[in-house]
PDB file of N, CA and C in Angstrom:
ATOM      1  N   MET A   1      12.332  22.707 -23.021  1.00  0.00           N
ATOM      2  CA  MET A   1      12.634  21.282 -23.028  1.00  0.00           C
ATOM      3  C   MET A   1      12.110  20.659 -21.738  1.00  0.00           C
ATOM      4  N   ALA A   2      11.519  19.492 -21.860  1.00  0.00           N
ATOM      5  CA  ALA A   2      10.979  18.792 -20.701  1.00  0.00           C
ATOM      6  C   ALA A   2      12.105  18.306 -19.795  1.00  0.00           C
ATOM      7  N   HIS A   3      11.834  18.346 -18.508  1.00  0.00           N
ATOM      8  CA  HIS A   3      12.820  17.857 -17.546  1.00  0.00           C
ATOM      9  C   HIS A   3      12.865  16.330 -17.626  1.00  0.00           C
ATOM     10  N   THR A   4      14.046  15.780 -17.706  1.00  0.00           N
ATOM     11  CA  THR A   4      14.209  14.326 -17.743  1.00  0.00           C
ATOM     12  C   THR A   4      15.208  13.906 -16.688  1.00  0.00           C
ATOM     13  N   THR A   5      15.209  12.622 -16.406  1.00  0.00           N
ATOM     14  CA  THR A   5      16.159  12.048 -15.468  1.00  0.00           C
ATOM     15  C   THR A   5      16.554  10.677 -15.982  1.00  0.00           C
ATOM     16  N   THR A   6      17.546  10.099 -15.390  1.00  0.00           N
ATOM     17  CA  THR A   6      18.055   8.807 -15.834  1.00  0.00           C
ATOM     18  C   THR A   6      17.607   7.707 -14.891  1.00  0.00           C
ATOM     19  N   LEU A   7      17.255   6.575 -15.472  1.00  0.00           N
ATOM     20  CA  LEU A   7      16.870   5.382 -14.727  1.00  0.00           C
ATOM     21  C   LEU A   7      17.622   4.203 -15.331  1.00  0.00           C
ATOM     22  N   THR A   8      18.259   3.438 -14.506  1.00  0.00           N
ATOM     23  CA  THR A   8      18.955   2.245 -14.977  1.00  0.00           C
ATOM     24  C   THR A   8      18.060   1.038 -14.756  1.00  0.00           C
ATOM     25  N   VAL A   9      17.878   0.238 -15.792  1.00  0.00           N
ATOM     26  CA  VAL A   9      16.992  -0.925 -15.724  1.00  0.00           C
ATOM     27  C   VAL A   9      17.749  -2.149 -16.215  1.00  0.00           C
ATOM     28  N   ARG A  10      17.622  -3.226 -15.480  1.00  0.00           N
ATOM     29  CA  ARG A  10      18.214  -4.490 -15.929  1.00  0.00           C
ATOM     30  C   ARG A  10      17.189  -5.228 -16.772  1.00  0.00           C
ATOM     31  N   LEU A  11      17.606  -5.669 -17.946  1.00  0.00           N
ATOM     32  CA  LEU A  11      16.743  -6.395 -18.872  1.00  0.00           C
ATOM     33  C   LEU A  11      17.399  -7.702 -19.265  1.00  0.00           C
ATOM     34  N   PRO A  12      16.591  -8.692 -19.583  1.00  0.00           N
ATOM     35  CA  PRO A  12      17.186  -9.885 -20.197  1.00  0.00           C
ATOM     36  C   PRO A  12      17.860  -9.466 -21.512  1.00  0.00           C
ATOM     37  N   ALA A  13      18.959 -10.116 -21.851  1.00  0.00           N
ATOM     38  CA  ALA A  13      19.706  -9.772 -23.063  1.00  0.00           C
ATOM     39  C   ALA A  13      18.809  -9.821 -24.298  1.00  0.00           C
ATOM     40  N   GLU A  14      17.936 -10.812 -24.367  1.00  0.00           N
ATOM     41  CA  GLU A  14      17.057 -10.943 -25.531  1.00  0.00           C
ATOM     42  C   GLU A  14      16.128  -9.737 -25.661  1.00  0.00           C
ATOM     43  N   THR A  15      15.606  -9.254 -24.555  1.00  0.00           N
ATOM     44  CA  THR A  15      14.720  -8.082 -24.593  1.00  0.00           C
ATOM     45  C   THR A  15      15.486  -6.864 -25.073  1.00  0.00           C
ATOM     46  N   LYS A  16      16.710  -6.686 -24.591  1.00  0.00           N
ATOM     47  CA  LYS A  16      17.522  -5.553 -25.021  1.00  0.00           C
ATOM     48  C   LYS A  16      17.814  -5.625 -26.509  1.00  0.00           C
ATOM     49  N   GLU A  17      18.100  -6.824 -26.996  1.00  0.00           N
ATOM     50  CA  GLU A  17      18.367  -7.005 -28.431  1.00  0.00           C
ATOM     51  C   GLU A  17      17.124  -6.705 -29.257  1.00  0.00           C
ATOM     52  N   ARG A  18      15.973  -7.165 -28.803  1.00  0.00           N
ATOM     53  CA  ARG A  18      14.727  -6.911 -29.523  1.00  0.00           C
ATOM     54  C   ARG A  18      14.392  -5.417 -29.509  1.00  0.00           C
ATOM     55  N   LEU A  19      14.660  -4.756 -28.394  1.00  0.00           N
ATOM     56  CA  LEU A  19      14.441  -3.319 -28.304  1.00  0.00           C
ATOM     57  C   LEU A  19      15.348  -2.593 -29.296  1.00  0.00           C
ATOM     58  N   ALA A  20      16.593  -3.002 -29.374  1.00  0.00           N
ATOM     59  CA  ALA A  20      17.522  -2.387 -30.320  1.00  0.00           C
ATOM     60  C   ALA A  20      17.057  -2.600 -31.758  1.00  0.00           C
ATOM     61  N   ALA A  21      16.557  -3.787 -32.052  1.00  0.00           N
ATOM     62  CA  ALA A  21      16.048  -4.061 -33.402  1.00  0.00           C
ATOM     63  C   ALA A  21      14.843  -3.180 -33.706  1.00  0.00           C
ATOM     64  N   LEU A  22      13.945  -3.058 -32.748  1.00  0.00           N
ATOM     65  CA  LEU A  22      12.769  -2.212 -32.936  1.00  0.00           C
ATOM     66  C   LEU A  22      13.185  -0.763 -33.129  1.00  0.00           C
ATOM     67  N   ALA A  23      14.140  -0.320 -32.343  1.00  0.00           N
ATOM     68  CA  ALA A  23      14.626   1.056 -32.469  1.00  0.00           C
ATOM     69  C   ALA A  23      15.175   1.299 -33.874  1.00  0.00           C
ATOM     70  N   SER A  24      15.926   0.355 -34.378  1.00  0.00           N
ATOM     71  CA  SER A  24      16.479   0.486 -35.720  1.00  0.00           C
ATOM     72  C   SER A  24      15.373   0.528 -36.770  1.00  0.00           C
ATOM     73  N   LEU A  25      14.411  -0.357 -36.640  1.00  0.00           N
ATOM     74  CA  LEU A  25      13.314  -0.420 -37.614  1.00  0.00           C
ATOM     75  C   LEU A  25      12.439   0.830 -37.600  1.00  0.00           C
ATOM     76  N   THR A  26      12.271   1.420 -36.434  1.00  0.00           N
ATOM     77  CA  THR A  26      11.393   2.586 -36.305  1.00  0.00           C
ATOM     78  C   THR A  26      12.144   3.907 -36.334  1.00  0.00           C
ATOM     79  N   ARG A  27      13.473   3.825 -36.463  1.00  0.00           N
ATOM     80  CA  ARG A  27      14.322   5.016 -36.480  1.00  0.00           C
ATOM     81  C   ARG A  27      14.135   5.870 -35.227  1.00  0.00           C
ATOM     82  N   ARG A  28      14.012   5.184 -34.118  1.00  0.00           N
ATOM     83  CA  ARG A  28      13.931   5.819 -32.797  1.00  0.00           C
ATOM     84  C   ARG A  28      15.091   5.290 -31.971  1.00  0.00           C
ATOM     85  N   THR A  29      15.362   5.923 -30.859  1.00  0.00           N
ATOM     86  CA  THR A  29      16.395   5.390 -29.979  1.00  0.00           C
ATOM     87  C   THR A  29      15.772   4.369 -29.033  1.00  0.00           C
ATOM     88  N   SER A  30      16.599   3.469 -28.549  1.00  0.00           N
ATOM     89  CA  SER A  30      16.132   2.519 -27.541  1.00  0.00           C
ATOM     90  C   SER A  30      15.634   3.261 -26.312  1.00  0.00           C
ATOM     91  N   SER A  31      16.308   4.335 -25.960  1.00  0.00           N
ATOM     92  CA  SER A  31      15.913   5.121 -24.801  1.00  0.00           C
ATOM     93  C   SER A  31      14.523   5.723 -24.997  1.00  0.00           C
ATOM     94  N   PHE A  32      14.257   6.259 -26.186  1.00  0.00           N
ATOM     95  CA  PHE A  32      12.933   6.821 -26.470  1.00  0.00           C
ATOM     96  C   PHE A  32      11.858   5.751 -26.349  1.00  0.00           C
ATOM     97  N   LEU A  33      12.093   4.592 -26.966  1.00  0.00           N
ATOM     98  CA  LEU A  33      11.096   3.519 -26.934  1.00  0.00           C
ATOM     99  C   LEU A  33      10.877   3.012 -25.516  1.00  0.00           C
ATOM    100  N   ALA A  34      11.948   2.873 -24.741  1.00  0.00           N
ATOM    101  CA  ALA A  34      11.817   2.416 -23.361  1.00  0.00           C
ATOM    102  C   ALA A  34      11.039   3.429 -22.533  1.00  0.00           C
ATOM    103  N   ALA A  35      11.323   4.707 -22.724  1.00  0.00           N
ATOM    104  CA  ALA A  35      10.599   5.747 -21.984  1.00  0.00           C
ATOM    105  C   ALA A  35       9.122   5.732 -22.347  1.00  0.00           C
ATOM    106  N   GLU A  36       8.800   5.577 -23.625  1.00  0.00           N
ATOM    107  CA  GLU A  36       7.403   5.504 -24.056  1.00  0.00           C
ATOM    108  C   GLU A  36       6.705   4.282 -23.448  1.00  0.00           C
ATOM    109  N   ALA A  37       7.402   3.149 -23.446  1.00  0.00           N
ATOM    110  CA  ALA A  37       6.821   1.923 -22.890  1.00  0.00           C
ATOM    111  C   ALA A  37       6.564   2.073 -21.390  1.00  0.00           C
ATOM    112  N   ILE A  38       7.518   2.625 -20.680  1.00  0.00           N
ATOM    113  CA  ILE A  38       7.356   2.810 -19.233  1.00  0.00           C
ATOM    114  C   ILE A  38       6.232   3.797 -18.949  1.00  0.00           C
ATOM    115  N   ALA A  39       6.175   4.889 -19.697  1.00  0.00           N
ATOM    116  CA  ALA A  39       5.119   5.882 -19.491  1.00  0.00           C
ATOM    117  C   ALA A  39       3.746   5.255 -19.721  1.00  0.00           C
ATOM    118  N   GLY A  40       3.618   4.454 -20.770  1.00  0.00           N
ATOM    119  CA  GLY A  40       2.344   3.778 -21.039  1.00  0.00           C
ATOM    120  C   GLY A  40       1.971   2.798 -19.945  1.00  0.00           C
ATOM    121  N   TYR A  41       2.942   2.033 -19.493  1.00  0.00           N
ATOM    122  CA  TYR A  41       2.702   1.068 -18.417  1.00  0.00           C
ATOM    123  C   TYR A  41       2.250   1.771 -17.143  1.00  0.00           C
ATOM    124  N   VAL A  42       2.960   2.840 -16.778  1.00  0.00           N
ATOM    125  CA  VAL A  42       2.621   3.571 -15.554  1.00  0.00           C
ATOM    126  C   VAL A  42       1.218   4.165 -15.669  1.00  0.00           C
ATOM    127  N   ALA A  43       0.870   4.720 -16.814  1.00  0.00           N
ATOM    128  CA  ALA A  43      -0.462   5.295 -16.998  1.00  0.00           C
ATOM    129  C   ALA A  43      -1.547   4.234 -16.844  1.00  0.00           C
ATOM    130  N   ARG A  44      -1.342   3.068 -17.461  1.00  0.00           N
ATOM    131  CA  ARG A  44      -2.331   1.982 -17.348  1.00  0.00           C
ATOM    132  C   ARG A  44      -2.451   1.486 -15.912  1.00  0.00           C
ATOM    133  N   GLU A  45      -1.337   1.289 -15.249  1.00  0.00           N
ATOM    134  CA  GLU A  45      -1.374   0.798 -13.866  1.00  0.00           C
ATOM    135  C   GLU A  45      -2.014   1.820 -12.932  1.00  0.00           C
ATOM    136  N   MET A  46      -1.718   3.101 -13.130  1.00  0.00           N
ATOM    137  CA  MET A  46      -2.324   4.144 -12.301  1.00  0.00           C
ATOM    138  C   MET A  46      -3.840   4.175 -12.496  1.00  0.00           C
ATOM    139  N   ALA A  47      -4.300   3.973 -13.728  1.00  0.00           N
ATOM    140  CA  ALA A  47      -5.736   3.938 -14.000  1.00  0.00           C
ATOM    141  C   ALA A  47      -6.384   2.747 -13.295  1.00  0.00           C
ATOM    142  N   ILE A  48      -5.702   1.613 -13.292  1.00  0.00           N
ATOM    143  CA  ILE A  48      -6.228   0.418 -12.608  1.00  0.00           C
ATOM    144  C   ILE A  48      -6.311   0.673 -11.109  1.00  0.00           C
ATOM    145  N   VAL A  49      -5.250   1.219 -10.540  1.00  0.00           N
ATOM    146  CA  VAL A  49      -5.232   1.504  -9.100  1.00  0.00           C
ATOM    147  C   VAL A  49      -6.341   2.491  -8.742  1.00  0.00           C
ATOM    148  N   ALA A  50      -6.535   3.516  -9.573  1.00  0.00           N
ATOM    149  CA  ALA A  50      -7.597   4.499  -9.312  1.00  0.00           C
ATOM    150  C   ALA A  50      -8.970   3.833  -9.377  1.00  0.00           C
ATOM    151  N   ALA A  51      -9.177   2.939 -10.342  1.00  0.00           N
ATOM    152  CA  ALA A  51     -10.466   2.245 -10.464  1.00  0.00           C
ATOM    153  C   ALA A  51     -10.717   1.344  -9.263  1.00  0.00           C
ATOM    154  N   VAL A  52      -9.687   0.660  -8.800  1.00  0.00           N
ATOM    155  CA  VAL A  52      -9.828  -0.188  -7.613  1.00  0.00           C
ATOM    156  C   VAL A  52     -10.188   0.668  -6.405  1.00  0.00           C
ATOM    157  N   GLU A  53      -9.520   1.804  -6.266  1.00  0.00           N
ATOM    158  CA  GLU A  53      -9.818   2.678  -5.134  1.00  0.00           C
ATOM    159  C   GLU A  53     -11.252   3.204  -5.207  1.00  0.00           C
ATOM    160  N   ARG A  54     -11.723   3.553  -6.408  1.00  0.00           N
ATOM    161  CA  ARG A  54     -13.124   3.982  -6.542  1.00  0.00           C
ATOM    162  C   ARG A  54     -14.062   2.862  -6.116  1.00  0.00           C
ATOM    163  N   GLY A  55     -13.724   1.635  -6.493  1.00  0.00           N
ATOM    164  CA  GLY A  55     -14.533   0.490  -6.080  1.00  0.00           C
ATOM    165  C   GLY A  55     -14.529   0.300  -4.577  1.00  0.00           C
ATOM    166  N   ARG A  56     -13.385   0.474  -3.964  1.00  0.00           N
ATOM    167  CA  ARG A  56     -13.299   0.357  -2.504  1.00  0.00           C
ATOM    168  C   ARG A  56     -14.115   1.453  -1.822  1.00  0.00           C
ATOM    169  N   GLU A  57     -14.060   2.660  -2.379  1.00  0.00           N
ATOM    170  CA  GLU A  57     -14.863   3.758  -1.823  1.00  0.00           C
ATOM    171  C   GLU A  57     -16.355   3.437  -1.952  1.00  0.00           C
ATOM    172  N   ASP A  58     -16.760   2.892  -3.113  1.00  0.00           N
ATOM    173  CA  ASP A  58     -18.164   2.498  -3.290  1.00  0.00           C
ATOM    174  C   ASP A  58     -18.565   1.446  -2.259  1.00  0.00           C
ATOM    175  N   ALA A  59     -17.699   0.468  -2.048  1.00  0.00           N
ATOM    176  CA  ALA A  59     -18.009  -0.587  -1.079  1.00  0.00           C
ATOM    177  C   ALA A  59     -18.139  -0.011   0.329  1.00  0.00           C
ATOM    178  N   ARG A  60     -17.229   0.878   0.706  1.00  0.00           N
ATOM    179  CA  ARG A  60     -17.302   1.497   2.032  1.00  0.00           C
ATOM    180  C   ARG A  60     -18.584   2.309   2.204  1.00  0.00           C
ATOM    181  N   ALA A  61     -19.068   2.893   1.092  1.00  0.00           N
ATOM    182  CA  ALA A  61     -20.275   3.712   1.147  1.00  0.00           C
ATOM    183  C   ALA A  61     -21.546   2.878   0.976  1.00  0.00           C
ATOM    184  N   GLY A  62     -21.382   1.566   0.792  1.00  0.00           N
ATOM    185  CA  GLY A  62     -22.545   0.699   0.650  1.00  0.00           C
ATOM    186  C   GLY A  62     -23.117   0.662  -0.759  1.00  0.00           C
ATOM    187  N   ARG A  63     -22.406   1.236  -1.720  1.00  0.00           N
ATOM    188  CA  ARG A  63     -22.864   1.211  -3.108  1.00  0.00           C
ATOM    189  C   ARG A  63     -22.357  -0.071  -3.774  1.00  0.00           C
ATOM    190  N   VAL A  64     -23.040  -1.168  -3.480  1.00  0.00           N
ATOM    191  CA  VAL A  64     -22.644  -2.474  -3.995  1.00  0.00           C
ATOM    192  C   VAL A  64     -23.856  -3.176  -4.606  1.00  0.00           C
ATOM    193  N   ILE A  65     -23.576  -4.164  -5.435  1.00  0.00           N
ATOM    194  CA  ILE A  65     -24.617  -5.005  -6.027  1.00  0.00           C
ATOM    195  C   ILE A  65     -24.372  -6.420  -5.516  1.00  0.00           C
ATOM    196  N   PRO A  66     -25.403  -7.083  -5.010  1.00  0.00           N
ATOM    197  CA  PRO A  66     -25.219  -8.443  -4.502  1.00  0.00           C
ATOM    198  C   PRO A  66     -24.685  -9.389  -5.587  1.00  0.00           C
ATOM    199  N   HIS A  67     -23.846 -10.305  -5.169  1.00  0.00           N
ATOM    200  CA  HIS A  67     -23.218 -11.256  -6.082  1.00  0.00           C
ATOM    201  C   HIS A  67     -24.242 -11.982  -6.945  1.00  0.00           C
ATOM    202  N   ASP A  68     -25.315 -12.487  -6.340  1.00  0.00           N
ATOM    203  CA  ASP A  68     -26.323 -13.228  -7.095  1.00  0.00           C
ATOM    204  C   ASP A  68     -26.944 -12.379  -8.202  1.00  0.00           C
ATOM    205  N   ALA A  69     -27.161 -11.091  -7.938  1.00  0.00           N
ATOM    206  CA  ALA A  69     -27.733 -10.202  -8.954  1.00  0.00           C
ATOM    207  C   ALA A  69     -26.763 -10.011 -10.116  1.00  0.00           C
ATOM    208  N   VAL A  70     -25.494  -9.853  -9.796  1.00  0.00           N
ATOM    209  CA  VAL A  70     -24.484  -9.699 -10.847  1.00  0.00           C
ATOM    210  C   VAL A  70     -24.413 -10.962 -11.687  1.00  0.00           C
ATOM    211  N   MET A  71     -24.416 -12.128 -11.034  1.00  0.00           N
ATOM    212  CA  MET A  71     -24.319 -13.384 -11.769  1.00  0.00           C
ATOM    213  C   MET A  71     -25.529 -13.585 -12.681  1.00  0.00           C
ATOM    214  N   CYS A  72     -26.697 -13.170 -12.259  1.00  0.00           N
ATOM    215  CA  CYS A  72     -27.885 -13.260 -13.123  1.00  0.00           C
ATOM    216  C   CYS A  72     -27.685 -12.405 -14.370  1.00  0.00           C
ATOM    217  N   GLU A  73     -27.155 -11.197 -14.193  1.00  0.00           N
ATOM    218  CA  GLU A  73     -26.908 -10.323 -15.339  1.00  0.00           C
ATOM    219  C   GLU A  73     -25.848 -10.902 -16.267  1.00  0.00           C
ATOM    220  N   VAL A  74     -24.801 -11.487 -15.695  1.00  0.00           N
ATOM    221  CA  VAL A  74     -23.739 -12.085 -16.497  1.00  0.00           C
ATOM    222  C   VAL A  74     -24.290 -13.263 -17.300  1.00  0.00           C
ATOM    223  N   ARG A  75     -25.031 -14.117 -16.652  1.00  0.00           N
ATOM    224  CA  ARG A  75     -25.608 -15.270 -17.356  1.00  0.00           C
ATOM    225  C   ARG A  75     -26.539 -14.824 -18.475  1.00  0.00           C
ATOM    226  N   ALA A  76     -27.334 -13.793 -18.227  1.00  0.00           N
ATOM    227  CA  ALA A  76     -28.245 -13.279 -19.257  1.00  0.00           C
ATOM    228  C   ALA A  76     -27.450 -12.706 -20.430  1.00  0.00           C
ATOM    229  N   ALA A  77     -26.367 -11.987 -20.152  1.00  0.00           N
ATOM    230  CA  ALA A  77     -25.547 -11.418 -21.216  1.00  0.00           C
ATOM    231  C   ALA A  77     -24.893 -12.514 -22.042  1.00  0.00           C
ATOM    232  N   ILE A  78     -24.434 -13.568 -21.383  1.00  0.00           N
ATOM    233  CA  ILE A  78     -23.836 -14.702 -22.102  1.00  0.00           C
ATOM    234  C   ILE A  78     -24.884 -15.362 -22.985  1.00  0.00           C
ATOM    235  N   GLU A  79     -26.055 -15.565 -22.447  1.00  0.00           N
ATOM    236  CA  GLU A  79     -27.123 -16.205 -23.221  1.00  0.00           C
ATOM    237  C   GLU A  79     -27.504 -15.346 -24.419  1.00  0.00           C
ATOM    238  N   ASP A  80     -27.600 -14.051 -24.226  1.00  0.00           N
ATOM    239  CA  ASP A  80     -27.930 -13.145 -25.331  1.00  0.00           C
ATOM    240  C   ASP A  80     -26.856 -13.147 -26.410  1.00  0.00           C
ATOM    241  N   ALA A  81     -25.611 -13.374 -26.026  1.00  0.00           N
ATOM    242  CA  ALA A  81     -24.513 -13.352 -26.974  1.00  0.00           C
ATOM    243  C   ALA A  81     -24.343 -14.654 -27.740  1.00  0.00           C
ATOM    244  N   ARG A  82     -24.979 -15.711 -27.265  1.00  0.00           N
ATOM    245  CA  ARG A  82     -24.853 -17.009 -27.944  1.00  0.00           C
ATOM    246  C   ARG A  82     -25.513 -16.943 -29.318  1.00  0.00           C
ATOM    247  N   PRO A  83     -24.886 -17.565 -30.281  1.00  0.00           N
ATOM    248  CA  PRO A  83     -25.501 -17.610 -31.627  1.00  0.00           C
ATOM    249  C   PRO A  83     -26.838 -18.363 -31.552  1.00  0.00           C
ATOM    250  N   LYS A  84     -27.802 -17.815 -32.216  1.00  0.00           N
ATOM    251  CA  LYS A  84     -29.117 -18.453 -32.254  1.00  0.00           C
ATOM    252  C   LYS A  84     -29.125 -19.480 -33.373  1.00  0.00           C
ATOM    253  N   THR A  85     -29.529 -20.700 -33.046  1.00  0.00           N
ATOM    254  CA  THR A  85     -29.574 -21.762 -34.062  1.00  0.00           C
ATOM    255  C   THR A  85     -30.989 -22.173 -34.369  1.00  0.00           C
TER     256      THR A  85
END
């Protein structure tokens, strides 16, 4: 069995009620759904933080693209995506 621990979280009453409704509809416990939601949130945020850190490392190492060059590429991509009339 996986090691677990308890965390107390304050929620708006409406969120708690909606969580309870979802738990009932999905035949899961509110605790299970909350744990899944928190785990997903933490994973996404950790990935964002890691990506930012990689970007900072690239900047420190001089692996950057000048702003004007990026904007030219963005404008070209937008133009290519426009419907042709």
